[in-house]
PDB file of N, CA and C in Angstrom:
ATOM      1  N   MET A   1      25.157   2.340   2.762  1.00  0.00           N
ATOM      2  CA  MET A   1      25.885   2.222   4.382  1.00  0.00           C
ATOM      3  C   MET A   1      24.660   1.802   5.005  1.00  0.00           C
ATOM      4  N   TYR A   2      25.094   0.411   5.859  1.00  0.00           N
ATOM      5  CA  TYR A   2      24.420  -0.612   6.349  1.00  0.00           C
ATOM      6  C   TYR A   2      24.799  -0.652   7.974  1.00  0.00           C
ATOM      7  N   SER A   3      23.565  -0.635   8.774  1.00  0.00           N
ATOM      8  CA  SER A   3      24.081  -1.269  10.328  1.00  0.00           C
ATOM      9  C   SER A   3      23.030  -2.258  10.481  1.00  0.00           C
ATOM     10  N   ARG A   4      22.934  -2.780  11.614  1.00  0.00           N
ATOM     11  CA  ARG A   4      21.972  -3.874  12.194  1.00  0.00           C
ATOM     12  C   ARG A   4      20.652  -3.892  11.741  1.00  0.00           C
ATOM     13  N   ASP A   5      20.223  -2.488  12.356  1.00  0.00           N
ATOM     14  CA  ASP A   5      18.704  -2.191  12.467  1.00  0.00           C
ATOM     15  C   ASP A   5      18.461  -0.670  11.361  1.00  0.00           C
ATOM     16  N   VAL A   6      19.341  -0.061  11.027  1.00  0.00           N
ATOM     17  CA  VAL A   6      19.426   1.194  10.122  1.00  0.00           C
ATOM     18  C   VAL A   6      19.798   1.005   8.936  1.00  0.00           C
ATOM     19  N   MET A   7      19.299   1.193   7.874  1.00  0.00           N
ATOM     20  CA  MET A   7      20.041   1.457   6.647  1.00  0.00           C
ATOM     21  C   MET A   7      19.784   2.815   6.136  1.00  0.00           C
ATOM     22  N   PHE A   8      20.763   3.266   5.364  1.00  0.00           N
ATOM     23  CA  PHE A   8      20.510   4.636   5.092  1.00  0.00           C
ATOM     24  C   PHE A   8      20.790   4.638   3.286  1.00  0.00           C
ATOM     25  N   VAL A   9      19.798   5.497   2.878  1.00  0.00           N
ATOM     26  CA  VAL A   9      19.750   5.695   1.564  1.00  0.00           C
ATOM     27  C   VAL A   9      19.828   7.196   0.875  1.00  0.00           C
ATOM     28  N   GLU A  10      20.064   7.411   0.057  1.00  0.00           N
ATOM     29  CA  GLU A  10      20.215   9.009  -0.405  1.00  0.00           C
ATOM     30  C   GLU A  10      18.631   9.310  -1.424  1.00  0.00           C
ATOM     31  N   VAL A  11      18.318  10.558  -1.253  1.00  0.00           N
ATOM     32  CA  VAL A  11      17.239  10.972  -2.101  1.00  0.00           C
ATOM     33  C   VAL A  11      17.940  11.385  -3.446  1.00  0.00           C
ATOM     34  N   GLY A  12      17.740  10.755  -4.532  1.00  0.00           N
ATOM     35  CA  GLY A  12      18.232  10.964  -6.055  1.00  0.00           C
ATOM     36  C   GLY A  12      17.616  12.015  -6.640  1.00  0.00           C
ATOM     37  N   LYS A  13      17.841  12.066  -7.796  1.00  0.00           N
ATOM     38  CA  LYS A  13      17.066  12.955  -8.872  1.00  0.00           C
ATOM     39  C   LYS A  13      15.558  12.882  -8.710  1.00  0.00           C
ATOM     40  N   GLU A  14      14.880  14.067  -8.835  1.00  0.00           N
ATOM     41  CA  GLU A  14      13.480  13.995  -8.708  1.00  0.00           C
ATOM     42  C   GLU A  14      13.135  13.439  -7.564  1.00  0.00           C
ATOM     43  N   GLY A  15      13.759  13.407  -6.546  1.00  0.00           N
ATOM     44  CA  GLY A  15      13.140  12.864  -5.255  1.00  0.00           C
ATOM     45  C   GLY A  15      13.085  11.363  -5.208  1.00  0.00           C
ATOM     46  N   ARG A  16      13.695  10.477  -5.742  1.00  0.00           N
ATOM     47  CA  ARG A  16      13.802   9.169  -5.780  1.00  0.00           C
ATOM     48  C   ARG A  16      14.671   8.440  -4.755  1.00  0.00           C
ATOM     49  N   ILE A  17      14.114   7.278  -4.541  1.00  0.00           N
ATOM     50  CA  ILE A  17      14.978   6.861  -3.145  1.00  0.00           C
ATOM     51  C   ILE A  17      15.068   5.071  -3.777  1.00  0.00           C
ATOM     52  N   VAL A  18      16.265   4.968  -3.729  1.00  0.00           N
ATOM     53  CA  VAL A  18      16.183   3.233  -4.050  1.00  0.00           C
ATOM     54  C   VAL A  18      16.372   2.490  -2.414  1.00  0.00           C
ATOM     55  N   LEU A  19      15.205   1.511  -2.500  1.00  0.00           N
ATOM     56  CA  LEU A  19      14.965   0.821  -1.543  1.00  0.00           C
ATOM     57  C   LEU A  19      15.937  -0.368  -1.397  1.00  0.00           C
ATOM     58  N   PRO A  20      16.852  -0.856  -0.420  1.00  0.00           N
ATOM     59  CA  PRO A  20      17.982  -1.923  -0.235  1.00  0.00           C
ATOM     60  C   PRO A  20      16.997  -3.073  -0.715  1.00  0.00           C
ATOM     61  N   LYS A  21      17.645  -4.221  -1.171  1.00  0.00           N
ATOM     62  CA  LYS A  21      17.305  -5.243  -1.875  1.00  0.00           C
ATOM     63  C   LYS A  21      16.586  -6.521  -0.768  1.00  0.00           C
ATOM     64  N   GLU A  22      17.385  -6.083   0.400  1.00  0.00           N
ATOM     65  CA  GLU A  22      16.828  -6.741   1.573  1.00  0.00           C
ATOM     66  C   GLU A  22      15.687  -6.372   2.048  1.00  0.00           C
ATOM     67  N   ILE A  23      15.140  -5.378   1.898  1.00  0.00           N
ATOM     68  CA  ILE A  23      13.815  -4.674   2.139  1.00  0.00           C
ATOM     69  C   ILE A  23      13.077  -5.150   1.250  1.00  0.00           C
ATOM     70  N   ARG A  24      13.374  -5.006  -0.177  1.00  0.00           N
ATOM     71  CA  ARG A  24      12.547  -5.219  -1.109  1.00  0.00           C
ATOM     72  C   ARG A  24      12.007  -6.691  -1.008  1.00  0.00           C
ATOM     73  N   ASP A  25      13.000  -7.684  -0.776  1.00  0.00           N
ATOM     74  CA  ASP A  25      12.720  -9.145  -0.830  1.00  0.00           C
ATOM     75  C   ASP A  25      11.864  -9.271   0.295  1.00  0.00           C
ATOM     76  N   ARG A  26      12.331  -8.805   1.512  1.00  0.00           N
ATOM     77  CA  ARG A  26      11.255  -8.751   2.578  1.00  0.00           C
ATOM     78  C   ARG A  26       9.959  -8.697   2.506  1.00  0.00           C
ATOM     79  N   ASN A  27       9.720  -7.674   1.886  1.00  0.00           N
ATOM     80  CA  ASN A  27       8.333  -7.117   1.695  1.00  0.00           C
ATOM     81  C   ASN A  27       7.672  -7.481   0.344  1.00  0.00           C
ATOM     82  N   GLU A  28       8.405  -8.340  -0.234  1.00  0.00           N
ATOM     83  CA  GLU A  28       8.086  -8.783  -1.692  1.00  0.00           C
ATOM     84  C   GLU A  28       7.605  -7.643  -2.515  1.00  0.00           C
ATOM     85  N   LEU A  29       8.471  -6.381  -2.874  1.00  0.00           N
ATOM     86  CA  LEU A  29       8.475  -5.440  -3.514  1.00  0.00           C
ATOM     87  C   LEU A  29       9.177  -5.642  -4.956  1.00  0.00           C
ATOM     88  N   GLU A  30       8.253  -5.578  -5.864  1.00  0.00           N
ATOM     89  CA  GLU A  30       8.941  -5.852  -7.169  1.00  0.00           C
ATOM     90  C   GLU A  30       8.798  -4.699  -7.975  1.00  0.00           C
ATOM     91  N   GLU A  31       9.395  -4.247  -9.105  1.00  0.00           N
ATOM     92  CA  GLU A  31       8.887  -3.315  -9.903  1.00  0.00           C
ATOM     93  C   GLU A  31       7.872  -3.160 -10.099  1.00  0.00           C
ATOM     94  N   LYS A  32       7.324  -1.821 -10.094  1.00  0.00           N
ATOM     95  CA  LYS A  32       5.947  -1.371 -10.153  1.00  0.00           C
ATOM     96  C   LYS A  32       5.039  -1.414  -9.233  1.00  0.00           C
ATOM     97  N   THR A  33       5.454  -2.045  -8.120  1.00  0.00           N
ATOM     98  CA  THR A  33       4.788  -2.282  -6.997  1.00  0.00           C
ATOM     99  C   THR A  33       4.272  -1.151  -6.276  1.00  0.00           C
ATOM    100  N   ARG A  34       2.770  -0.840  -6.005  1.00  0.00           N
ATOM    101  CA  ARG A  34       2.631   0.508  -5.727  1.00  0.00           C
ATOM    102  C   ARG A  34       2.729   0.571  -4.100  1.00  0.00           C
ATOM    103  N   VAL A  35       3.013   1.980  -3.757  1.00  0.00           N
ATOM    104  CA  VAL A  35       3.174   1.825  -2.362  1.00  0.00           C
ATOM    105  C   VAL A  35       2.344   3.076  -1.747  1.00  0.00           C
ATOM    106  N   ILE A  36       1.796   3.123  -0.449  1.00  0.00           N
ATOM    107  CA  ILE A  36       1.095   4.322  -0.224  1.00  0.00           C
ATOM    108  C   ILE A  36       2.291   5.335   0.588  1.00  0.00           C
ATOM    109  N   VAL A  37       2.219   6.612   0.261  1.00  0.00           N
ATOM    110  CA  VAL A  37       3.219   7.456   1.092  1.00  0.00           C
ATOM    111  C   VAL A  37       2.704   8.288   2.148  1.00  0.00           C
ATOM    112  N   ARG A  38       3.052   8.186   3.298  1.00  0.00           N
ATOM    113  CA  ARG A  38       2.023   9.016   4.517  1.00  0.00           C
ATOM    114  C   ARG A  38       3.216   9.941   5.283  1.00  0.00           C
ATOM    115  N   GLU A  39       2.801  10.538   5.663  1.00  0.00           N
ATOM    116  CA  GLU A  39       3.629  11.313   6.812  1.00  0.00           C
ATOM    117  C   GLU A  39       3.049  11.338   8.180  1.00  0.00           C
ATOM    118  N   ARG A  40       3.894  10.988   9.035  1.00  0.00           N
ATOM    119  CA  ARG A  40       2.948  10.520  10.426  1.00  0.00           C
ATOM    120  C   ARG A  40       3.984  10.861  11.466  1.00  0.00           C
ATOM    121  N   ASN A  41       3.498  11.835  12.526  1.00  0.00           N
ATOM    122  CA  ASN A  41       4.696  12.395  13.345  1.00  0.00           C
ATOM    123  C   ASN A  41       5.886  12.543  12.821  1.00  0.00           C
ATOM    124  N   GLY A  42       6.069  13.460  11.850  1.00  0.00           N
ATOM    125  CA  GLY A  42       7.376  13.932  11.421  1.00  0.00           C
ATOM    126  C   GLY A  42       8.134  12.617  10.751  1.00  0.00           C
ATOM    127  N   GLU A  43       7.742  11.301  10.571  1.00  0.00           N
ATOM    128  CA  GLU A  43       8.094  10.648   9.711  1.00  0.00           C
ATOM    129  C   GLU A  43       7.471  10.519   8.263  1.00  0.00           C
ATOM    130  N   ILE A  44       8.412   9.718   7.624  1.00  0.00           N
ATOM    131  CA  ILE A  44       7.416   9.273   6.025  1.00  0.00           C
ATOM    132  C   ILE A  44       7.544   7.895   6.410  1.00  0.00           C
ATOM    133  N   VAL A  45       6.406   7.368   5.861  1.00  0.00           N
ATOM    134  CA  VAL A  45       5.947   5.740   5.900  1.00  0.00           C
ATOM    135  C   VAL A  45       5.478   5.655   4.591  1.00  0.00           C
ATOM    136  N   LEU A  46       5.971   4.471   4.063  1.00  0.00           N
ATOM    137  CA  LEU A  46       5.700   3.837   2.911  1.00  0.00           C
ATOM    138  C   LEU A  46       4.804   2.449   3.356  1.00  0.00           C
ATOM    139  N   ILE A  47       3.909   2.024   2.683  1.00  0.00           N
ATOM    140  CA  ILE A  47       3.140   1.029   2.861  1.00  0.00           C
ATOM    141  C   ILE A  47       2.845   0.393   1.435  1.00  0.00           C
ATOM    142  N   PRO A  48       3.259  -0.850   1.422  1.00  0.00           N
ATOM    143  CA  PRO A  48       3.078  -1.718   0.185  1.00  0.00           C
ATOM    144  C   PRO A  48       1.412  -1.755   0.173  1.00  0.00           C
ATOM    145  N   VAL A  49       1.076  -1.718  -1.361  1.00  0.00           N
ATOM    146  CA  VAL A  49      -0.379  -2.094  -1.558  1.00  0.00           C
ATOM    147  C   VAL A  49      -0.357  -3.427  -2.255  1.00  0.00           C
ATOM    148  N   LYS A  50      -1.193  -4.384  -1.396  1.00  0.00           N
ATOM    149  CA  LYS A  50      -1.037  -5.727  -1.623  1.00  0.00           C
ATOM    150  C   LYS A  50      -1.975  -5.968  -2.928  1.00  0.00           C
ATOM    151  N   LYS A  51      -1.500  -6.546  -3.980  1.00  0.00           N
ATOM    152  CA  LYS A  51      -2.252  -7.004  -5.170  1.00  0.00           C
ATOM    153  C   LYS A  51      -2.483  -8.246  -5.270  1.00  0.00           C
ATOM    154  N   TYR A  52      -3.759  -8.505  -5.755  1.00  0.00           N
ATOM    155  CA  TYR A  52      -4.467  -9.892  -5.885  1.00  0.00           C
ATOM    156  C   TYR A  52      -4.592 -10.135  -7.361  1.00  0.00           C
ATOM    157  N   ASP A  53      -4.599 -11.589  -7.456  1.00  0.00           N
ATOM    158  CA  ASP A  53      -4.698 -12.132  -8.928  1.00  0.00           C
ATOM    159  C   ASP A  53      -6.021 -11.923  -9.428  1.00  0.00           C
ATOM    160  N   LYS A  54      -6.748 -12.130  -8.222  1.00  0.00           N
ATOM    161  CA  LYS A  54      -8.352 -11.956  -8.484  1.00  0.00           C
ATOM    162  C   LYS A  54      -8.992 -11.330  -7.376  1.00  0.00           C
ATOM    163  N   PRO A  55      -8.908  -9.724  -7.836  1.00  0.00           N
ATOM    164  CA  PRO A  55      -9.386  -8.613  -6.799  1.00  0.00           C
ATOM    165  C   PRO A  55     -10.849  -9.332  -6.091  1.00  0.00           C
ATOM    166  N   THR A  56     -11.652  -9.611  -6.837  1.00  0.00           N
ATOM    167  CA  THR A  56     -13.184  -9.901  -6.359  1.00  0.00           C
ATOM    168  C   THR A  56     -13.113 -10.971  -5.371  1.00  0.00           C
ATOM    169  N   GLU A  57     -12.250 -11.989  -5.627  1.00  0.00           N
ATOM    170  CA  GLU A  57     -12.553 -13.039  -4.437  1.00  0.00           C
ATOM    171  C   GLU A  57     -11.736 -12.597  -3.190  1.00  0.00           C
ATOM    172  N   ALA A  58     -10.696 -11.546  -3.209  1.00  0.00           N
ATOM    173  CA  ALA A  58     -10.459 -10.892  -2.137  1.00  0.00           C
ATOM    174  C   ALA A  58     -11.424 -10.238  -1.019  1.00  0.00           C
ATOM    175  N   LEU A  59     -12.098  -9.747  -1.878  1.00  0.00           N
ATOM    176  CA  LEU A  59     -12.939  -8.747  -1.265  1.00  0.00           C
ATOM    177  C   LEU A  59     -14.481  -9.232  -0.971  1.00  0.00           C
ATOM    178  N   PHE A  60     -14.408 -10.842  -1.728  1.00  0.00           N
ATOM    179  CA  PHE A  60     -15.648 -11.696  -1.336  1.00  0.00           C
ATOM    180  C   PHE A  60     -16.035 -11.861   0.149  1.00  0.00           C
ATOM    181  N   GLY A  61     -17.185 -11.326   0.394  1.00  0.00           N
ATOM    182  CA  GLY A  61     -17.756 -11.539   1.895  1.00  0.00           C
ATOM    183  C   GLY A  61     -17.541 -10.024   2.920  1.00  0.00           C
ATOM    184  N   SER A  62     -17.008  -9.331   2.188  1.00  0.00           N
ATOM    185  CA  SER A  62     -16.419  -7.931   3.095  1.00  0.00           C
ATOM    186  C   SER A  62     -17.646  -6.776   3.141  1.00  0.00           C
ATOM    187  N   LEU A  63     -18.309  -7.042   2.177  1.00  0.00           N
ATOM    188  CA  LEU A  63     -19.432  -6.262   1.876  1.00  0.00           C
ATOM    189  C   LEU A  63     -20.834  -6.969   2.031  1.00  0.00           C
ATOM    190  N   ILE A  64     -21.871  -6.014   2.968  1.00  0.00           N
ATOM    191  CA  ILE A  64     -23.257  -6.630   2.795  1.00  0.00           C
ATOM    192  C   ILE A  64     -24.183  -5.598   2.464  1.00  0.00           C
ATOM    193  N   LEU A  65     -24.787  -5.838   1.338  1.00  0.00           N
ATOM    194  CA  LEU A  65     -25.554  -4.922   0.695  1.00  0.00           C
ATOM    195  C   LEU A  65     -27.087  -5.208   0.578  1.00  0.00           C
ATOM    196  N   ASN A  66     -27.903  -4.267   0.642  1.00  0.00           N
ATOM    197  CA  ASN A  66     -29.267  -4.463   0.874  1.00  0.00           C
ATOM    198  C   ASN A  66     -29.942  -4.198  -0.616  1.00  0.00           C
ATOM    199  N   GLU A  67     -29.015  -3.675  -1.535  1.00  0.00           N
ATOM    200  CA  GLU A  67     -29.652  -3.342  -2.855  1.00  0.00           C
ATOM    201  C   GLU A  67     -28.630  -3.744  -3.820  1.00  0.00           C
ATOM    202  N   LEU A  68     -29.169  -3.584  -5.009  1.00  0.00           N
ATOM    203  CA  LEU A  68     -28.245  -3.864  -6.233  1.00  0.00           C
ATOM    204  C   LEU A  68     -27.529  -2.711  -6.493  1.00  0.00           C
ATOM    205  N   LEU A  69     -26.461  -2.752  -6.879  1.00  0.00           N
ATOM    206  CA  LEU A  69     -25.467  -1.575  -7.267  1.00  0.00           C
ATOM    207  C   LEU A  69     -25.299  -1.232  -8.924  1.00  0.00           C
ATOM    208  N   ASP A  70     -25.447   0.158  -9.433  1.00  0.00           N
ATOM    209  CA  ASP A  70     -25.011   0.210 -10.589  1.00  0.00           C
ATOM    210  C   ASP A  70     -23.951  -0.025 -11.341  1.00  0.00           C
ATOM    211  N   ASP A  71     -22.900   0.250 -10.457  1.00  0.00           N
ATOM    212  CA  ASP A  71     -21.144   0.395 -10.681  1.00  0.00           C
ATOM    213  C   ASP A  71     -20.407  -0.455  -9.536  1.00  0.00           C
ATOM    214  N   PRO A  72     -20.705  -1.813  -9.063  1.00  0.00           N
ATOM    215  CA  PRO A  72     -20.033  -2.405  -8.083  1.00  0.00           C
ATOM    216  C   PRO A  72     -18.586  -2.238  -7.908  1.00  0.00           C
ATOM    217  N   LYS A  73     -18.126  -2.094  -9.101  1.00  0.00           N
ATOM    218  CA  LYS A  73     -16.686  -2.097  -9.004  1.00  0.00           C
ATOM    219  C   LYS A  73     -16.161  -0.843  -8.355  1.00  0.00           C
ATOM    220  N   ALA A  74     -16.910   0.243  -8.908  1.00  0.00           N
ATOM    221  CA  ALA A  74     -16.326   1.631  -8.072  1.00  0.00           C
ATOM    222  C   ALA A  74     -17.015   1.555  -6.715  1.00  0.00           C
ATOM    223  N   TYR A  75     -17.873   1.285  -6.269  1.00  0.00           N
ATOM    224  CA  TYR A  75     -18.326   0.723  -4.910  1.00  0.00           C
ATOM    225  C   TYR A  75     -17.422   0.062  -4.071  1.00  0.00           C
ATOM    226  N   ALA A  76     -16.499  -0.960  -4.750  1.00  0.00           N
ATOM    227  CA  ALA A  76     -15.779  -1.842  -3.875  1.00  0.00           C
ATOM    228  C   ALA A  76     -14.431  -1.050  -3.827  1.00  0.00           C
ATOM    229  N   ARG A  77     -14.127  -0.395  -4.964  1.00  0.00           N
ATOM    230  CA  ARG A  77     -12.702   0.702  -4.736  1.00  0.00           C
ATOM    231  C   ARG A  77     -12.952   1.623  -3.688  1.00  0.00           C
ATOM    232  N   ARG A  78     -14.311   2.165  -3.833  1.00  0.00           N
ATOM    233  CA  ARG A  78     -14.208   3.150  -2.370  1.00  0.00           C
ATOM    234  C   ARG A  78     -14.206   2.377  -0.820  1.00  0.00           C
ATOM    235  N   HIS A  79     -15.166   1.357  -1.228  1.00  0.00           N
ATOM    236  CA  HIS A  79     -14.766   0.612   0.180  1.00  0.00           C
ATOM    237  C   HIS A  79     -13.469   0.319   0.666  1.00  0.00           C
ATOM    238  N   VAL A  80     -12.647  -0.231  -0.342  1.00  0.00           N
ATOM    239  CA  VAL A  80     -11.296  -0.642   0.070  1.00  0.00           C
ATOM    240  C   VAL A  80     -10.559   0.596   0.502  1.00  0.00           C
ATOM    241  N   ARG A  81     -10.815   1.915  -0.286  1.00  0.00           N
ATOM    242  CA  ARG A  81      -9.782   2.889  -0.224  1.00  0.00           C
ATOM    243  C   ARG A  81     -10.392   3.457   1.270  1.00  0.00           C
ATOM    244  N   ASP A  82     -11.560   3.686   1.650  1.00  0.00           N
ATOM    245  CA  ASP A  82     -11.994   4.080   2.993  1.00  0.00           C
ATOM    246  C   ASP A  82     -11.364   3.076   4.153  1.00  0.00           C
ATOM    247  N   LYS A  83     -11.424   1.986   3.943  1.00  0.00           N
ATOM    248  CA  LYS A  83     -10.698   0.914   4.849  1.00  0.00           C
ATOM    249  C   LYS A  83      -9.225   1.190   5.126  1.00  0.00           C
ATOM    250  N   VAL A  84      -8.512   1.435   3.907  1.00  0.00           N
ATOM    251  CA  VAL A  84      -7.183   1.809   4.067  1.00  0.00           C
ATOM    252  C   VAL A  84      -6.982   2.927   4.640  1.00  0.00           C
ATOM    253  N   MET A  85      -8.063   4.029   4.490  1.00  0.00           N
ATOM    254  CA  MET A  85      -7.769   5.410   5.206  1.00  0.00           C
ATOM    255  C   MET A  85      -7.938   5.198   6.838  1.00  0.00           C
ATOM    256  N   GLU A  86      -8.835   4.456   6.939  1.00  0.00           N
ATOM    257  CA  GLU A  86      -8.907   4.162   8.329  1.00  0.00           C
ATOM    258  C   GLU A  86      -8.033   3.593   9.373  1.00  0.00           C
ATOM    259  N   ARG A  87      -7.267   2.678   8.570  1.00  0.00           N
ATOM    260  CA  ARG A  87      -6.246   1.748   9.020  1.00  0.00           C
ATOM    261  C   ARG A  87      -5.057   2.952   9.122  1.00  0.00           C
ATOM    262  N   LEU A  88      -4.886   3.978   8.415  1.00  0.00           N
ATOM    263  CA  LEU A  88      -3.630   5.066   8.070  1.00  0.00           C
ATOM    264  C   LEU A  88      -3.851   5.957   9.026  1.00  0.00           C
ATOM    265  N   ASP A  89      -5.214   6.315   9.594  1.00  0.00           N
ATOM    266  CA  ASP A  89      -5.388   7.391  10.404  1.00  0.00           C
ATOM    267  C   ASP A  89      -5.979   6.875  11.556  1.00  0.00           C
ATOM    268  N   PRO A  90      -5.034   6.484  12.636  1.00  0.00           N
ATOM    269  CA  PRO A  90      -5.886   5.972  13.829  1.00  0.00           C
ATOM    270  C   PRO A  90      -6.525   6.948  14.844  1.00  0.00           C
TER     271      PRO A  90
END
């Protein structure tokens, strides 16, 4: 059931929901797209996780280091996770 500003979906088996095609298309959500699920002020919020073809290029210049790292990928993952969490918890 749809109206102009509101779209209704049902929670199905195992808590699954199907997002309307219009929303999937607008937000470029394809099969296996990851989303962050948050509860905020009594609402459920879905935040698409952007996927990069070359993640290292997306991160280039975002870190300034004074030392070499043993595991730069792990450090970058932590950095990105921390930045996402900062954005989610104002």
